[in-house]
Amino acid sequence: MQNGSDVAYEIATVDGDKHFYYTKNDPTIFFYHKNKEIGSSDIKMMIKYLNKHNDGSKVNKIVKNVKVLDERKTTSKD
């Protein structure tokens, strides 16, 4: 995954597909499936789309089930 930050965020779908990822390079978000870039967007475009389709309630429902697991290795400063 070449675009975005040094951190990839995994998105597990309802059916258990764990091959979706996104990276951020503010304000752009790059989406990947099986390490192939499948698209990009920015936050403003995503919010505009969600508002246009009245999907705010869906987002709120999804957020309740979000789990964050930080697997980055930290370096000791000793």
PDB file of N, CA and C in Angstrom:
ATOM      1  N   MET A   1       0.856  -1.169   0.000  1.00  0.00           N
ATOM      2  CA  MET A   1       0.000   0.000   0.000  1.00  0.00           C
ATOM      3  C   MET A   1       0.899   1.228   0.000  1.00  0.00           C
ATOM      4  N   GLN A   2       0.917   1.904  -1.117  1.00  0.00           N
ATOM      5  CA  GLN A   2       1.880   2.976  -1.300  1.00  0.00           C
ATOM      6  C   GLN A   2       1.379   4.340  -0.857  1.00  0.00           C
ATOM      7  N   ASN A   3       0.111   4.592  -0.945  1.00  0.00           N
ATOM      8  CA  ASN A   3      -0.415   5.907  -0.590  1.00  0.00           C
ATOM      9  C   ASN A   3      -0.781   5.968   0.889  1.00  0.00           C
ATOM     10  N   GLY A   4      -0.797   7.155   1.429  1.00  0.00           N
ATOM     11  CA  GLY A   4      -1.248   7.318   2.805  1.00  0.00           C
ATOM     12  C   GLY A   4      -0.116   7.280   3.806  1.00  0.00           C
ATOM     13  N   SER A   5      -0.490   7.095   5.042  1.00  0.00           N
ATOM     14  CA  SER A   5       0.466   7.104   6.140  1.00  0.00           C
ATOM     15  C   SER A   5       1.183   5.769   6.247  1.00  0.00           C
ATOM     16  N   ASP A   6       2.002   5.648   7.254  1.00  0.00           N
ATOM     17  CA  ASP A   6       2.690   4.388   7.504  1.00  0.00           C
ATOM     18  C   ASP A   6       1.810   3.397   8.262  1.00  0.00           C
ATOM     19  N   VAL A   7       0.559   3.759   8.515  1.00  0.00           N
ATOM     20  CA  VAL A   7      -0.352   2.902   9.266  1.00  0.00           C
ATOM     21  C   VAL A   7      -1.505   2.488   8.365  1.00  0.00           C
ATOM     22  N   ALA A   8      -1.781   1.181   8.319  1.00  0.00           N
ATOM     23  CA  ALA A   8      -2.931   0.673   7.580  1.00  0.00           C
ATOM     24  C   ALA A   8      -3.981   0.244   8.588  1.00  0.00           C
ATOM     25  N   TYR A   9      -5.208   0.637   8.358  1.00  0.00           N
ATOM     26  CA  TYR A   9      -6.321   0.303   9.232  1.00  0.00           C
ATOM     27  C   TYR A   9      -7.125  -0.810   8.588  1.00  0.00           C
ATOM     28  N   GLU A  10      -7.278  -1.925   9.289  1.00  0.00           N
ATOM     29  CA  GLU A  10      -8.006  -3.075   8.754  1.00  0.00           C
ATOM     30  C   GLU A  10      -9.496  -2.902   9.020  1.00  0.00           C
ATOM     31  N   ILE A  11     -10.300  -3.265   8.044  1.00  0.00           N
ATOM     32  CA  ILE A  11     -11.757  -3.218   8.167  1.00  0.00           C
ATOM     33  C   ILE A  11     -12.267  -4.636   7.964  1.00  0.00           C
ATOM     34  N   ALA A  12     -12.842  -5.214   8.982  1.00  0.00           N
ATOM     35  CA  ALA A  12     -13.422  -6.550   8.857  1.00  0.00           C
ATOM     36  C   ALA A  12     -14.902  -6.405   8.508  1.00  0.00           C
ATOM     37  N   THR A  13     -15.323  -7.052   7.453  1.00  0.00           N
ATOM     38  CA  THR A  13     -16.713  -6.966   7.030  1.00  0.00           C
ATOM     39  C   THR A  13     -17.571  -7.925   7.841  1.00  0.00           C
ATOM     40  N   VAL A  14     -18.886  -7.779   7.707  1.00  0.00           N
ATOM     41  CA  VAL A  14     -19.838  -8.611   8.436  1.00  0.00           C
ATOM     42  C   VAL A  14     -19.617 -10.091   8.139  1.00  0.00           C
ATOM     43  N   ASP A  15     -19.272 -10.405   6.895  1.00  0.00           N
ATOM     44  CA  ASP A  15     -19.068 -11.811   6.541  1.00  0.00           C
ATOM     45  C   ASP A  15     -17.660 -12.307   6.882  1.00  0.00           C
ATOM     46  N   GLY A  16     -16.874 -11.483   7.561  1.00  0.00           N
ATOM     47  CA  GLY A  16     -15.572 -11.916   8.046  1.00  0.00           C
ATOM     48  C   GLY A  16     -14.408 -11.669   7.106  1.00  0.00           C
ATOM     49  N   ASP A  17     -14.639 -11.010   5.976  1.00  0.00           N
ATOM     50  CA  ASP A  17     -13.551 -10.694   5.048  1.00  0.00           C
ATOM     51  C   ASP A  17     -12.649  -9.656   5.707  1.00  0.00           C
ATOM     52  N   LYS A  18     -11.423 -10.028   5.972  1.00  0.00           N
ATOM     53  CA  LYS A  18     -10.488  -9.109   6.631  1.00  0.00           C
ATOM     54  C   LYS A  18      -9.413  -8.623   5.670  1.00  0.00           C
ATOM     55  N   HIS A  19      -9.754  -8.492   4.417  1.00  0.00           N
ATOM     56  CA  HIS A  19      -8.780  -8.056   3.429  1.00  0.00           C
ATOM     57  C   HIS A  19      -9.024  -6.618   2.983  1.00  0.00           C
ATOM     58  N   PHE A  20      -9.829  -5.865   3.715  1.00  0.00           N
ATOM     59  CA  PHE A  20     -10.069  -4.464   3.403  1.00  0.00           C
ATOM     60  C   PHE A  20      -9.243  -3.594   4.328  1.00  0.00           C
ATOM     61  N   TYR A  21      -8.592  -2.591   3.756  1.00  0.00           N
ATOM     62  CA  TYR A  21      -7.755  -1.690   4.533  1.00  0.00           C
ATOM     63  C   TYR A  21      -7.946  -0.271   4.034  1.00  0.00           C
ATOM     64  N   TYR A  22      -7.561   0.681   4.889  1.00  0.00           N
ATOM     65  CA  TYR A  22      -7.459   2.051   4.419  1.00  0.00           C
ATOM     66  C   TYR A  22      -6.265   2.710   5.070  1.00  0.00           C
ATOM     67  N   THR A  23      -5.722   3.691   4.365  1.00  0.00           N
ATOM     68  CA  THR A  23      -4.648   4.507   4.892  1.00  0.00           C
ATOM     69  C   THR A  23      -5.069   5.959   4.739  1.00  0.00           C
ATOM     70  N   LYS A  24      -4.448   6.832   5.503  1.00  0.00           N
ATOM     71  CA  LYS A  24      -4.809   8.250   5.450  1.00  0.00           C
ATOM     72  C   LYS A  24      -3.589   9.090   5.093  1.00  0.00           C
ATOM     73  N   ASN A  25      -3.821  10.078   4.277  1.00  0.00           N
ATOM     74  CA  ASN A  25      -2.859  11.128   4.006  1.00  0.00           C
ATOM     75  C   ASN A  25      -3.713  12.382   3.915  1.00  0.00           C
ATOM     76  N   ASP A  26      -3.980  12.989   5.086  1.00  0.00           N
ATOM     77  CA  ASP A  26      -4.978  14.053   5.199  1.00  0.00           C
ATOM     78  C   ASP A  26      -4.920  15.012   4.036  1.00  0.00           C
ATOM     79  N   PRO A  27      -6.058  15.300   3.433  1.00  0.00           N
ATOM     80  CA  PRO A  27      -7.402  14.880   3.800  1.00  0.00           C
ATOM     81  C   PRO A  27      -7.875  13.622   3.064  1.00  0.00           C
ATOM     82  N   THR A  28      -6.994  12.961   2.326  1.00  0.00           N
ATOM     83  CA  THR A  28      -7.400  11.836   1.484  1.00  0.00           C
ATOM     84  C   THR A  28      -7.305  10.506   2.224  1.00  0.00           C
ATOM     85  N   ILE A  29      -8.289   9.649   1.971  1.00  0.00           N
ATOM     86  CA  ILE A  29      -8.307   8.290   2.501  1.00  0.00           C
ATOM     87  C   ILE A  29      -8.241   7.348   1.299  1.00  0.00           C
ATOM     88  N   PHE A  30      -7.308   6.404   1.344  1.00  0.00           N
ATOM     89  CA  PHE A  30      -7.124   5.441   0.265  1.00  0.00           C
ATOM     90  C   PHE A  30      -7.652   4.087   0.718  1.00  0.00           C
ATOM     91  N   PHE A  31      -8.449   3.443  -0.133  1.00  0.00           N
ATOM     92  CA  PHE A  31      -9.064   2.160   0.203  1.00  0.00           C
ATOM     93  C   PHE A  31      -8.391   1.035  -0.583  1.00  0.00           C
ATOM     94  N   TYR A  32      -8.185  -0.104   0.092  1.00  0.00           N
ATOM     95  CA  TYR A  32      -7.505  -1.244  -0.506  1.00  0.00           C
ATOM     96  C   TYR A  32      -8.293  -2.520  -0.244  1.00  0.00           C
ATOM     97  N   HIS A  33      -8.203  -3.446  -1.185  1.00  0.00           N
ATOM     98  CA  HIS A  33      -8.710  -4.800  -0.983  1.00  0.00           C
ATOM     99  C   HIS A  33      -7.616  -5.739  -1.444  1.00  0.00           C
ATOM    100  N   LYS A  34      -7.166  -6.594  -0.528  1.00  0.00           N
ATOM    101  CA  LYS A  34      -6.074  -7.536  -0.814  1.00  0.00           C
ATOM    102  C   LYS A  34      -4.851  -6.801  -1.378  1.00  0.00           C
ATOM    103  N   ASN A  35      -4.511  -5.686  -0.721  1.00  0.00           N
ATOM    104  CA  ASN A  35      -3.339  -4.862  -1.041  1.00  0.00           C
ATOM    105  C   ASN A  35      -3.396  -4.165  -2.402  1.00  0.00           C
ATOM    106  N   LYS A  36      -4.557  -4.136  -3.036  1.00  0.00           N
ATOM    107  CA  LYS A  36      -4.725  -3.414  -4.295  1.00  0.00           C
ATOM    108  C   LYS A  36      -5.598  -2.196  -4.031  1.00  0.00           C
ATOM    109  N   GLU A  37      -5.123  -1.027  -4.447  1.00  0.00           N
ATOM    110  CA  GLU A  37      -5.918   0.188  -4.236  1.00  0.00           C
ATOM    111  C   GLU A  37      -7.185   0.122  -5.070  1.00  0.00           C
ATOM    112  N   ILE A  38      -8.329   0.331  -4.402  1.00  0.00           N
ATOM    113  CA  ILE A  38      -9.616   0.250  -5.105  1.00  0.00           C
ATOM    114  C   ILE A  38     -10.319   1.600  -5.170  1.00  0.00           C
ATOM    115  N   GLY A  39      -9.741   2.620  -4.552  1.00  0.00           N
ATOM    116  CA  GLY A  39     -10.342   3.939  -4.629  1.00  0.00           C
ATOM    117  C   GLY A  39      -9.822   4.859  -3.551  1.00  0.00           C
ATOM    118  N   SER A  40     -10.263   6.095  -3.623  1.00  0.00           N
ATOM    119  CA  SER A  40      -9.890   7.080  -2.609  1.00  0.00           C
ATOM    120  C   SER A  40     -10.992   8.118  -2.497  1.00  0.00           C
ATOM    121  N   SER A  41     -10.974   8.834  -1.407  1.00  0.00           N
ATOM    122  CA  SER A  41     -11.965   9.875  -1.159  1.00  0.00           C
ATOM    123  C   SER A  41     -11.388  10.814  -0.115  1.00  0.00           C
ATOM    124  N   ASP A  42     -12.056  11.915   0.097  1.00  0.00           N
ATOM    125  CA  ASP A  42     -11.680  12.751   1.229  1.00  0.00           C
ATOM    126  C   ASP A  42     -12.872  12.840   2.174  1.00  0.00           C
ATOM    127  N   ILE A  43     -12.594  13.256   3.385  1.00  0.00           N
ATOM    128  CA  ILE A  43     -13.621  13.278   4.437  1.00  0.00           C
ATOM    129  C   ILE A  43     -14.834  14.106   4.011  1.00  0.00           C
ATOM    130  N   LYS A  44     -14.611  15.266   3.417  1.00  0.00           N
ATOM    131  CA  LYS A  44     -15.738  16.122   3.017  1.00  0.00           C
ATOM    132  C   LYS A  44     -16.648  15.416   2.016  1.00  0.00           C
ATOM    133  N   MET A  45     -16.059  14.709   1.054  1.00  0.00           N
ATOM    134  CA  MET A  45     -16.868  13.982   0.062  1.00  0.00           C
ATOM    135  C   MET A  45     -17.665  12.867   0.728  1.00  0.00           C
ATOM    136  N   MET A  46     -17.042  12.178   1.678  1.00  0.00           N
ATOM    137  CA  MET A  46     -17.724  11.083   2.366  1.00  0.00           C
ATOM    138  C   MET A  46     -18.890  11.605   3.192  1.00  0.00           C
ATOM    139  N   ILE A  47     -18.686  12.699   3.904  1.00  0.00           N
ATOM    140  CA  ILE A  47     -19.758  13.288   4.710  1.00  0.00           C
ATOM    141  C   ILE A  47     -20.893  13.776   3.811  1.00  0.00           C
ATOM    142  N   LYS A  48     -20.549  14.400   2.702  1.00  0.00           N
ATOM    143  CA  LYS A  48     -21.571  14.871   1.762  1.00  0.00           C
ATOM    144  C   LYS A  48     -22.405  13.702   1.238  1.00  0.00           C
ATOM    145  N   TYR A  49     -21.750  12.590   0.895  1.00  0.00           N
ATOM    146  CA  TYR A  49     -22.452  11.403   0.409  1.00  0.00           C
ATOM    147  C   TYR A  49     -23.382  10.844   1.481  1.00  0.00           C
ATOM    148  N   LEU A  50     -22.859  10.700   2.712  1.00  0.00           N
ATOM    149  CA  LEU A  50     -23.671  10.150   3.804  1.00  0.00           C
ATOM    150  C   LEU A  50     -24.878  11.027   4.083  1.00  0.00           C
ATOM    151  N   ASN A  51     -24.684  12.339   4.091  1.00  0.00           N
ATOM    152  CA  ASN A  51     -25.796  13.249   4.339  1.00  0.00           C
ATOM    153  C   ASN A  51     -26.827  13.200   3.214  1.00  0.00           C
ATOM    154  N   LYS A  52     -26.351  13.116   1.980  1.00  0.00           N
ATOM    155  CA  LYS A  52     -27.260  13.065   0.827  1.00  0.00           C
ATOM    156  C   LYS A  52     -28.146  11.815   0.873  1.00  0.00           C
ATOM    157  N   HIS A  53     -27.602  10.716   1.392  1.00  0.00           N
ATOM    158  CA  HIS A  53     -28.334   9.455   1.429  1.00  0.00           C
ATOM    159  C   HIS A  53     -28.907   9.136   2.812  1.00  0.00           C
ATOM    160  N   ASN A  54     -28.889  10.127   3.711  1.00  0.00           N
ATOM    161  CA  ASN A  54     -29.423   9.952   5.073  1.00  0.00           C
ATOM    162  C   ASN A  54     -28.869   8.698   5.751  1.00  0.00           C
ATOM    163  N   ASP A  55     -27.568   8.502   5.641  1.00  0.00           N
ATOM    164  CA  ASP A  55     -26.944   7.308   6.210  1.00  0.00           C
ATOM    165  C   ASP A  55     -26.269   7.556   7.550  1.00  0.00           C
ATOM    166  N   GLY A  56     -26.530   8.681   8.168  1.00  0.00           N
ATOM    167  CA  GLY A  56     -25.936   8.979   9.466  1.00  0.00           C
ATOM    168  C   GLY A  56     -26.267   7.935  10.518  1.00  0.00           C
ATOM    169  N   SER A  57     -27.495   7.432  10.508  1.00  0.00           N
ATOM    170  CA  SER A  57     -27.886   6.419  11.500  1.00  0.00           C
ATOM    171  C   SER A  57     -27.113   5.112  11.296  1.00  0.00           C
ATOM    172  N   LYS A  58     -26.823   4.773  10.034  1.00  0.00           N
ATOM    173  CA  LYS A  58     -26.029   3.571   9.760  1.00  0.00           C
ATOM    174  C   LYS A  58     -24.619   3.728  10.316  1.00  0.00           C
ATOM    175  N   VAL A  59     -24.052   4.906  10.139  1.00  0.00           N
ATOM    176  CA  VAL A  59     -22.710   5.172  10.651  1.00  0.00           C
ATOM    177  C   VAL A  59     -22.704   5.053  12.167  1.00  0.00           C
ATOM    178  N   ASN A  60     -23.684   5.643  12.824  1.00  0.00           N
ATOM    179  CA  ASN A  60     -23.759   5.569  14.286  1.00  0.00           C
ATOM    180  C   ASN A  60     -23.886   4.131  14.764  1.00  0.00           C
ATOM    181  N   LYS A  61     -24.623   3.308  14.035  1.00  0.00           N
ATOM    182  CA  LYS A  61     -24.785   1.899  14.397  1.00  0.00           C
ATOM    183  C   LYS A  61     -23.460   1.149  14.253  1.00  0.00           C
ATOM    184  N   ILE A  62     -22.744   1.428  13.186  1.00  0.00           N
ATOM    185  CA  ILE A  62     -21.452   0.787  12.945  1.00  0.00           C
ATOM    186  C   ILE A  62     -20.437   1.199  14.006  1.00  0.00           C
ATOM    187  N   VAL A  63     -20.430   2.476  14.351  1.00  0.00           N
ATOM    188  CA  VAL A  63     -19.458   2.994  15.322  1.00  0.00           C
ATOM    189  C   VAL A  63     -19.574   2.277  16.660  1.00  0.00           C
ATOM    190  N   LYS A  64     -20.771   1.877  17.029  1.00  0.00           N
ATOM    191  CA  LYS A  64     -20.962   1.182  18.300  1.00  0.00           C
ATOM    192  C   LYS A  64     -20.220  -0.149  18.335  1.00  0.00           C
ATOM    193  N   ASN A  65     -19.935  -0.724  17.179  1.00  0.00           N
ATOM    194  CA  ASN A  65     -19.269  -2.029  17.107  1.00  0.00           C
ATOM    195  C   ASN A  65     -17.789  -1.942  16.715  1.00  0.00           C
ATOM    196  N   VAL A  66     -17.258  -0.739  16.656  1.00  0.00           N
ATOM    197  CA  VAL A  66     -15.858  -0.562  16.264  1.00  0.00           C
ATOM    198  C   VAL A  66     -14.929  -0.989  17.395  1.00  0.00           C
ATOM    199  N   LYS A  67     -13.919  -1.732  17.018  1.00  0.00           N
ATOM    200  CA  LYS A  67     -12.880  -2.136  17.964  1.00  0.00           C
ATOM    201  C   LYS A  67     -11.549  -1.657  17.404  1.00  0.00           C
ATOM    202  N   VAL A  68     -10.748  -1.049  18.241  1.00  0.00           N
ATOM    203  CA  VAL A  68      -9.443  -0.569  17.812  1.00  0.00           C
ATOM    204  C   VAL A  68      -8.373  -1.401  18.488  1.00  0.00           C
ATOM    205  N   LEU A  69      -7.506  -1.959  17.689  1.00  0.00           N
ATOM    206  CA  LEU A  69      -6.398  -2.742  18.193  1.00  0.00           C
ATOM    207  C   LEU A  69      -5.134  -2.197  17.544  1.00  0.00           C
ATOM    208  N   ASP A  70      -4.302  -1.554  18.328  1.00  0.00           N
ATOM    209  CA  ASP A  70      -3.075  -0.950  17.814  1.00  0.00           C
ATOM    210  C   ASP A  70      -1.954  -1.976  17.885  1.00  0.00           C
ATOM    211  N   GLU A  71      -1.526  -2.450  16.721  1.00  0.00           N
ATOM    212  CA  GLU A  71      -0.478  -3.460  16.673  1.00  0.00           C
ATOM    213  C   GLU A  71       0.877  -2.881  16.277  1.00  0.00           C
ATOM    214  N   ARG A  72       0.976  -1.553  16.289  1.00  0.00           N
ATOM    215  CA  ARG A  72       2.264  -0.948  15.981  1.00  0.00           C
ATOM    216  C   ARG A  72       3.246  -1.253  17.095  1.00  0.00           C
ATOM    217  N   LYS A  73       4.471  -1.431  16.723  1.00  0.00           N
ATOM    218  CA  LYS A  73       5.521  -1.674  17.709  1.00  0.00           C
ATOM    219  C   LYS A  73       6.041  -0.333  18.175  1.00  0.00           C
ATOM    220  N   THR A  74       6.126  -0.161  19.473  1.00  0.00           N
ATOM    221  CA  THR A  74       6.667   1.081  19.998  1.00  0.00           C
ATOM    222  C   THR A  74       8.133   0.884  20.309  1.00  0.00           C
ATOM    223  N   THR A  75       8.891   1.934  20.125  1.00  0.00           N
ATOM    224  CA  THR A  75      10.312   1.863  20.422  1.00  0.00           C
ATOM    225  C   THR A  75      10.557   2.454  21.789  1.00  0.00           C
ATOM    226  N   SER A  76      11.420   1.829  22.518  1.00  0.00           N
ATOM    227  CA  SER A  76      11.726   2.323  23.866  1.00  0.00           C
ATOM    228  C   SER A  76      12.715   3.463  23.762  1.00  0.00           C
ATOM    229  N   LYS A  77      12.576   4.419  24.620  1.00  0.00           N
ATOM    230  CA  LYS A  77      13.427   5.610  24.596  1.00  0.00           C
ATOM    231  C   LYS A  77      14.483   5.548  25.686  1.00  0.00           C
ATOM    232  N   ASP A  78      14.820   4.343  26.122  1.00  0.00           N
ATOM    233  CA  ASP A  78      15.848   4.177  27.155  1.00  0.00           C
ATOM    234  C   ASP A  78      17.227   4.296  26.589  1.00  0.00           C
TER     235      ASP A  78
END
